[in-house]
Protein backbone atom coordinates (compact mmCIF):
# COMPACT_ATOMS: atom_id res chain seq x y z
CA MET A 1 19.00 15.11 -19.29
CA ALA A 2 16.56 14.39 -22.07
CA ASP A 3 14.97 17.11 -24.07
CA ARG A 4 11.48 16.10 -22.98
CA ARG A 5 11.26 13.40 -20.26
CA LEU A 6 8.55 11.15 -19.47
CA PRO A 7 7.84 11.08 -15.73
CA VAL A 8 6.61 8.07 -13.90
CA TYR A 9 4.93 8.20 -10.43
CA LEU A 10 4.43 4.86 -8.64
CA LEU A 11 2.35 5.48 -5.57
CA ILE A 12 2.45 2.39 -3.18
CA ASP A 13 0.39 1.40 -0.19
CA CYS A 14 2.33 0.83 2.60
CA SER A 15 -0.27 0.20 5.19
CA GLU A 16 -0.12 -2.74 7.59
CA SER A 17 -2.66 -4.77 5.66
CA MET A 18 0.28 -4.97 2.98
CA ALA A 19 2.76 -6.40 5.75
CA GLY A 20 4.60 -9.75 4.81
CA ASN A 21 4.46 -11.38 1.43
CA ALA A 22 2.75 -8.46 -0.18
CA ILE A 23 5.26 -5.64 0.41
CA GLU A 24 8.18 -8.15 -0.41
CA ASP A 25 6.37 -8.96 -3.77
CA VAL A 26 6.04 -5.01 -4.43
CA ARG A 27 9.92 -4.50 -3.58
CA ARG A 28 10.83 -7.46 -6.04
CA GLY A 29 8.50 -5.91 -8.51
CA ILE A 30 9.91 -2.43 -8.48
CA ASP A 31 13.18 -3.95 -8.95
CA THR A 32 11.99 -5.94 -11.88
CA LEU A 33 10.37 -3.00 -13.26
CA VAL A 34 13.59 -0.72 -13.10
CA SER A 35 15.84 -3.48 -14.40
CA SER A 36 13.67 -4.10 -17.39
CA LEU A 37 13.19 -0.48 -18.59
CA LYS A 38 17.02 -0.07 -18.19
CA GLY A 39 17.17 -2.65 -20.89
CA ASN A 40 15.09 -0.54 -23.18
CA PRO A 41 17.48 2.40 -24.86
CA LEU A 42 14.25 4.43 -25.49
CA ALA A 43 13.19 4.25 -21.83
CA LEU A 44 16.68 4.54 -20.53
CA GLU A 45 16.79 7.87 -22.50
CA THR A 46 13.43 9.53 -21.42
CA VAL A 47 12.13 7.98 -18.43
CA TYR A 48 12.53 9.50 -14.95
CA LEU A 49 11.03 7.54 -12.05
CA SER A 50 9.46 8.73 -8.68
CA VAL A 51 8.20 6.67 -5.70
CA ILE A 52 5.39 7.90 -3.39
CA THR A 53 4.51 5.76 -0.46
CA PHE A 54 1.24 6.21 1.62
CA SER A 55 0.15 4.85 5.04
CA ARG A 56 -0.85 7.02 7.99
CA TYR A 57 0.90 9.67 5.83
CA ALA A 58 2.25 10.03 2.64
CA LYS A 59 5.95 10.32 1.70
CA GLN A 60 7.79 11.02 -1.51
CA VAL A 61 10.69 8.66 -1.06
CA SER A 62 11.84 8.79 -4.26
CA PRO A 63 11.86 12.10 -6.19
CA LEU A 64 11.68 12.31 -10.07
CA THR A 65 14.88 10.67 -10.87
CA GLU A 66 16.46 9.74 -14.44
CA LEU A 67 16.06 5.98 -14.83
CA PHE A 68 19.97 5.39 -15.15
CA THR A 69 20.50 6.55 -11.81
CA PHE A 70 17.51 5.24 -10.04
CA GLN A 71 17.57 3.31 -7.17
CA PRO A 72 14.67 1.41 -5.65
CA PRO A 73 13.69 2.93 -2.14
CA VAL A 74 13.14 1.16 1.05
CA LEU A 75 9.45 0.61 1.56
CA SER A 76 8.47 0.84 5.36
CA ILE A 77 5.16 -0.64 6.92
CA ARG A 78 3.12 1.81 8.88
CA PRO A 79 -0.70 2.00 9.77
CA GLY A 80 -3.34 3.44 7.95
CA THR A 81 -4.13 4.32 4.36
CA ALA A 82 -3.70 8.06 3.77
CA PHE A 83 -4.74 7.81 -0.02
CA GLY A 84 -5.97 11.41 -0.20
CA ALA A 85 -2.72 12.58 1.64
CA ALA A 86 -1.01 10.78 -1.38
CA VAL A 87 -3.19 12.02 -3.95
CA ASP A 88 -2.12 15.61 -2.86
CA LEU A 89 1.44 14.94 -2.61
CA LEU A 90 1.13 13.55 -6.24
CA ILE A 91 -0.11 16.89 -7.26
CA ALA A 92 2.34 18.90 -5.42
CA CYS A 93 5.23 16.85 -6.87
CA ILE A 94 3.97 17.09 -10.45
CA ASN A 95 3.70 20.72 -10.06
CA ARG A 96 7.06 21.20 -8.77
CA GLU A 97 9.04 18.47 -10.72
CA VAL A 98 7.48 18.14 -14.29
CA VAL A 99 8.39 20.79 -16.75
CA LYS A 100 5.13 22.62 -18.39
CA THR A 101 5.45 23.54 -22.27
CA SER A 102 5.86 27.36 -22.63
CA PRO A 103 5.49 29.47 -25.56
CA THR A 104 8.94 28.92 -26.73
CA ALA A 105 9.73 25.37 -25.76
CA LYS A 106 7.95 21.88 -25.21
CA GLY A 107 7.90 20.71 -21.76
CA ASP A 108 7.92 17.02 -20.55
CA TYR A 109 5.61 14.37 -21.69
CA ARG A 110 2.38 14.05 -19.77
CA PRO A 111 3.14 11.93 -16.57
CA ILE A 112 1.88 8.32 -16.06
CA VAL A 113 0.86 7.33 -12.67
CA PHE A 114 0.34 3.49 -11.52
CA LEU A 115 -1.32 3.41 -8.07
CA LEU A 116 -1.27 0.09 -6.16
CA THR A 117 -3.47 -0.17 -2.89
CA ASP A 118 -5.34 -3.10 -1.10
CA GLY A 119 -7.64 -1.45 0.96
CA GLN A 120 -9.80 1.59 1.63
CA PRO A 121 -8.72 5.24 2.48
CA THR A 122 -8.48 6.17 6.06
CA ASP A 123 -8.48 9.78 5.60
CA ASP A 124 -10.29 12.54 3.78
CA TRP A 125 -9.99 11.23 -0.05
CA ARG A 126 -13.19 13.22 -0.96
CA SER A 127 -11.41 16.59 -0.57
CA ALA A 128 -8.23 15.23 -2.50
CA ALA A 129 -10.41 13.78 -5.26
CA ALA A 130 -11.76 17.41 -5.77
CA ARG A 131 -8.56 19.05 -5.73
CA LEU A 132 -7.24 16.48 -8.41
CA LYS A 133 -10.29 17.27 -10.67
CA GLY A 134 -9.55 20.88 -10.18
CA ALA A 135 -6.10 20.28 -11.37
CA ASN A 136 -7.11 18.38 -14.46
CA ASN A 137 -7.45 21.22 -16.81
CA PRO A 138 -5.67 20.42 -18.95
CA ARG A 139 -5.46 16.89 -17.46
CA LEU A 140 -2.51 16.44 -14.97
CA ALA A 141 -1.46 12.92 -15.53
CA ASN A 142 -2.57 9.67 -17.34
CA ILE A 143 -3.56 7.72 -13.98
CA TYR A 144 -4.01 3.83 -13.73
CA ALA A 145 -5.39 2.58 -10.60
CA ILE A 146 -4.62 -1.23 -9.33
CA GLY A 147 -6.62 -2.68 -6.60
CA CYS A 148 -5.42 -5.52 -4.92
CA GLY A 149 -7.17 -8.04 -2.94
CA PRO A 150 -10.96 -8.38 -1.73
CA ASP A 151 -10.85 -5.19 0.21
CA VAL A 152 -10.56 -2.66 -2.40
CA ASP A 153 -13.61 -0.33 -3.09
CA THR A 154 -13.28 0.39 -6.60
CA SER A 155 -15.95 3.02 -6.54
CA LYS A 156 -13.38 5.15 -4.52
CA LEU A 157 -10.64 4.61 -6.86
CA ARG A 158 -13.00 5.87 -9.89
CA GLU A 159 -13.14 9.01 -8.32
CA PHE A 160 -9.48 9.67 -9.19
CA THR A 161 -9.29 7.80 -12.34
CA ASP A 162 -11.40 6.35 -15.04
CA VAL A 163 -8.82 3.47 -15.57
CA VAL A 164 -9.34 1.04 -12.63
CA LEU A 165 -7.71 -2.42 -12.47
CA THR A 166 -8.38 -5.18 -10.07
CA MET A 167 -6.11 -7.90 -8.81
CA PRO A 168 -8.08 -10.28 -7.15
CA GLU A 169 -5.45 -12.84 -5.93
CA MET A 170 -2.48 -11.02 -4.11
CA THR A 171 0.18 -13.90 -4.81
CA PRO A 172 3.69 -13.61 -5.85
CA GLU A 173 2.85 -14.77 -9.34
CA SER A 174 0.11 -12.09 -9.65
CA PHE A 175 2.52 -9.08 -8.41
CA LYS A 176 5.03 -10.31 -10.60
CA LYS A 177 3.09 -10.54 -13.64
CA THR A 178 1.70 -6.99 -12.65
CA PHE A 179 5.06 -5.36 -12.79
CA VAL A 180 6.00 -6.93 -15.95
CA TRP A 181 2.82 -5.75 -17.18
CA LEU A 182 3.83 -2.14 -15.88
CA SER A 183 7.19 -2.28 -17.29
CA ALA A 184 5.84 -3.18 -20.78
CA SER A 185 3.18 -0.37 -20.37
CA ILE A 186 5.96 2.39 -19.70
CA SER A 187 8.32 0.79 -22.42
CA SER A 188 5.53 1.34 -25.00
CA ALA A 189 4.79 4.72 -23.94
CA SER A 190 8.47 5.66 -24.41
CA THR A 191 8.61 3.90 -27.60
CA ARG A 192 5.46 5.80 -29.07
CA LEU A 193 6.39 9.26 -27.82
CA GLY A 194 7.59 10.31 -31.24
CA HIS A 195 4.23 9.38 -32.79
CA GLY A 196 2.00 11.42 -30.89
CA ASP A 197 1.52 14.66 -28.64
CA GLY A 198 2.66 13.11 -25.53
CA THR A 199 -0.72 14.12 -23.74
CA SER A 200 -3.06 11.44 -24.82
CA PRO A 201 -3.36 8.38 -22.79
CA ILE A 202 -1.11 5.52 -23.70
CA ASP A 203 -2.17 2.47 -25.51
CA MET A 204 -1.59 -0.30 -22.89
CA PRO A 205 -0.31 -3.78 -23.73
CA ALA A 206 -2.82 -6.80 -23.27
CA LEU A 207 -3.66 -7.25 -19.65
CA PRO A 208 -2.11 -10.24 -17.91
CA ASP A 209 -4.27 -12.93 -16.66
CA VAL A 210 -4.08 -11.85 -13.01
CA LEU A 211 -5.65 -8.13 -13.86
CA GLU A 212 -9.01 -7.34 -14.76
CA LEU A 213 -10.28 -4.10 -15.92
CA SER A 214 -12.93 -2.91 -13.35
CA THR A 215 -16.24 -1.88 -15.26
CA SER A 216 -18.71 -1.80 -12.27
CA ASP A 217 -18.74 -1.21 -8.73
CA GLN A 218 -19.48 -4.14 -6.27
CA TRP A 219 -21.35 -3.49 -3.10
CA HIS A 220 -19.04 -4.09 -0.22
CA ASP A 221 -19.87 -5.48 3.19
CA PRO A 222 -19.62 -2.64 5.85
CA GLU A 223 -18.00 -5.09 8.23
CA PRO A 224 -14.46 -5.10 7.83
CA ARG A 225 -13.18 -8.14 5.71
CA GLN A 226 -9.96 -8.47 8.18
CA VAL A 227 -9.10 -7.27 11.32
CA PHE A 228 -5.58 -6.59 12.67
CA LEU A 229 -4.02 -6.48 15.98
CA GLN A 230 -0.69 -5.15 17.10
CA ALA A 231 1.17 -7.08 19.23
CA ARG A 232 4.88 -7.63 21.06
CA CYS A 233 6.78 -10.37 21.60
CA GLN A 234 7.09 -11.06 25.41
CA LYS A 235 10.79 -12.60 24.97
CA SER A 236 12.25 -9.86 22.72
CA GLY A 237 9.73 -6.84 23.21
CA ARG A 238 9.67 -6.70 19.23
CA LEU A 239 6.75 -5.51 17.49
CA TYR A 240 4.49 -7.50 15.27
CA LEU A 241 1.07 -7.61 13.49
CA MET A 242 -1.57 -9.95 13.81
CA ARG A 243 -4.15 -10.43 11.11
CA PHE A 244 -7.62 -12.01 11.14
CA GLY A 245 -9.77 -12.88 8.20
CA LYS A 246 -13.62 -12.47 8.27
CA LYS A 247 -15.30 -16.30 8.15
CA GLY A 248 -18.93 -16.17 8.82
CA ASN A 249 -19.46 -14.14 11.90
CA LEU A 250 -15.98 -14.92 13.36
CA TYR A 251 -12.49 -13.24 12.42
CA CYS A 252 -10.16 -16.31 12.20
CA ALA A 253 -6.32 -16.30 12.47
CA ILE A 254 -4.50 -16.01 8.95
CA ALA A 255 -0.90 -14.92 10.04
CA SER A 256 1.38 -12.61 11.85
CA HIS A 257 4.01 -10.25 10.51
CA LYS A 258 7.04 -8.28 11.82
CA LEU A 259 6.91 -4.77 12.20
CA ASP A 260 9.37 -1.92 12.37
CA SER A 261 7.75 0.52 14.73
CA ILE A 262 4.44 2.03 15.65
CA GLU A 263 3.43 5.47 16.68
CA PRO A 264 1.47 6.28 20.03
CA SER A 265 -1.96 6.87 18.37
CA ASP A 266 -2.11 3.76 15.80
CA CYS A 267 -4.94 2.05 17.80
CA ASP A 268 -6.89 4.92 18.97
CA SER A 269 -9.08 5.99 15.65
CA LEU A 270 -10.93 2.39 15.25
CA PRO A 271 -13.58 1.17 17.71
CA PRO A 272 -12.42 -1.94 19.66
CA ILE A 273 -13.12 -5.44 18.91
CA ASN A 274 -14.22 -8.10 21.17
CA THR A 275 -12.29 -10.93 21.93
CA SER A 276 -15.59 -13.20 21.22
CA LEU A 277 -15.15 -12.26 17.73
CA LEU A 278 -11.75 -13.58 17.22
CA SER A 279 -11.10 -17.35 16.54
CA GLY A 280 -7.82 -18.62 17.02
CA CYS A 281 -4.11 -16.72 17.44
CA PRO A 282 -1.60 -16.70 14.77
CA PRO A 283 1.77 -17.26 16.11
CA CYS A 284 4.58 -14.83 17.11
CA PRO A 285 6.91 -14.49 14.33
CA TYR A 286 9.82 -14.20 16.60
CA CYS A 287 9.47 -16.96 19.13
CA GLU A 288 6.25 -18.79 17.84
CA ASN A 289 4.30 -18.54 20.95
CA GLU A 290 0.62 -19.44 19.83
CA GLU A 291 -1.56 -17.29 22.21
CA MET A 292 -2.02 -13.67 23.19
CA LEU A 293 -2.25 -12.22 26.93
CA TYR A 294 -3.67 -9.05 27.36
CA CYS A 295 -2.32 -6.28 29.75
CA SER A 296 -4.45 -3.56 31.48
CA CYS A 297 -2.60 -0.91 29.80
CA GLY A 298 -3.87 -2.29 26.49
CA SER A 299 -0.94 -4.02 25.17
CA ILE A 300 -1.27 -7.44 23.73
CA MET A 301 1.60 -9.80 23.80
CA CYS A 302 2.32 -13.53 22.95
CA PHE A 303 2.73 -16.45 25.58
CA SER A 304 2.50 -20.10 26.07
CA THR A 305 0.21 -21.70 28.84
CA LYS A 306 2.55 -24.28 28.70
CA HIS A 307 5.11 -22.20 30.65
CA PHE A 308 3.19 -19.52 32.03
CA VAL A 309 3.84 -18.51 35.69
CA SER A 310 4.03 -14.79 35.47
CA ALA A 311 4.93 -12.33 32.66
CA SER A 312 5.99 -8.57 32.39
CA CYS A 313 4.28 -6.54 29.93
CA PRO A 314 6.80 -5.23 27.29
CA ASN A 315 4.98 -2.07 27.08
CA CYS A 316 4.31 -0.84 30.71
CA LYS A 317 6.67 -3.32 32.29
CA SER A 318 4.09 -4.37 34.97
CA ARG A 319 3.85 -7.96 36.16
CA ILE A 320 0.91 -10.08 34.97
CA GLU A 321 0.08 -12.67 37.57
CA GLU A 322 -2.82 -14.22 35.85
CA ILE A 323 -4.46 -14.90 32.43
CA MET A 324 -7.35 -12.95 31.64
CA TYR A 325 -10.08 -15.10 30.51
CA GLY A 326 -13.65 -14.38 29.12
CA ASN A 327 -14.74 -11.99 26.46
CA TYR A 328 -13.37 -8.52 26.51
CA ASP A 329 -12.60 -5.44 24.13
CA ILE A 330 -9.24 -4.89 22.66
CA ARG A 331 -7.91 -2.06 20.59
CA ARG A 332 -7.54 -2.72 16.73
CA ALA A 333 -4.96 -1.25 14.44
CA GLU A 334 -5.62 0.26 11.13
CA GLY A 335 -4.33 -2.04 8.83
């Protein structure tokens, strides 16, 4: 164990809006970050990594671990964006894992925290912000927030840190360059530890062209930019998520993503959306059926009008003998 460690915490948004390419890009990004840091002798000596994920709830999926033995964790997609819970968990982990300076010995260097999120909190984030500010005497950690995509409210992120960056385009290249920059930032911090007190904000490398420093907060349309619906494949019963993006007054089909699991109350916290506001239907990621069928139990499943005679609901197992036409309300997922 190093005499003085440099703790690094990654807070990763694993909400449903990150399903598909985004979460895969983050997984690859963490692999790149770890591989790069392991090639730096100074980082290998001092850096300890932890990963906290948040969706409906927050979980420390990797405790603070020395870089040499760190293994990237599995990132599982779930509904919700419990950002406040993630910050509370971060405070608890730092208080438990980071060695404090004592009258007789120096403790660990001030932790570095990198937060990646693509949405807005769905829990009591204001109370968590107040608790973080209360814990910042002295400063608990150097926190850097990265808001990904068009749906991030930077004003909320600014309640937790003065350093808010935005990544407007959520492309594989953007995530790759961002994680390369994160690796360079951590390496820079580990190199300069011997030249400072280990508590001051680190000198960050120049931002890549995919990141921007957010200096002001933009007004956000109160209507959601995206709508998510949970569905099941009628053939296999497997879960997936349908994504719709706002275009004018409608939400147009964008894509569908496979899901591992859901919880019974995943669709209970948001108001429903009327089908008149939805345009198109993303195909099922399992069987490629391009339409959705609604059951009276509230479930949605894929189907094809070309072969429809009747269907069995994968959720309640009841028979559906006819297609429901017209405008009706359906339950939304938290995203």
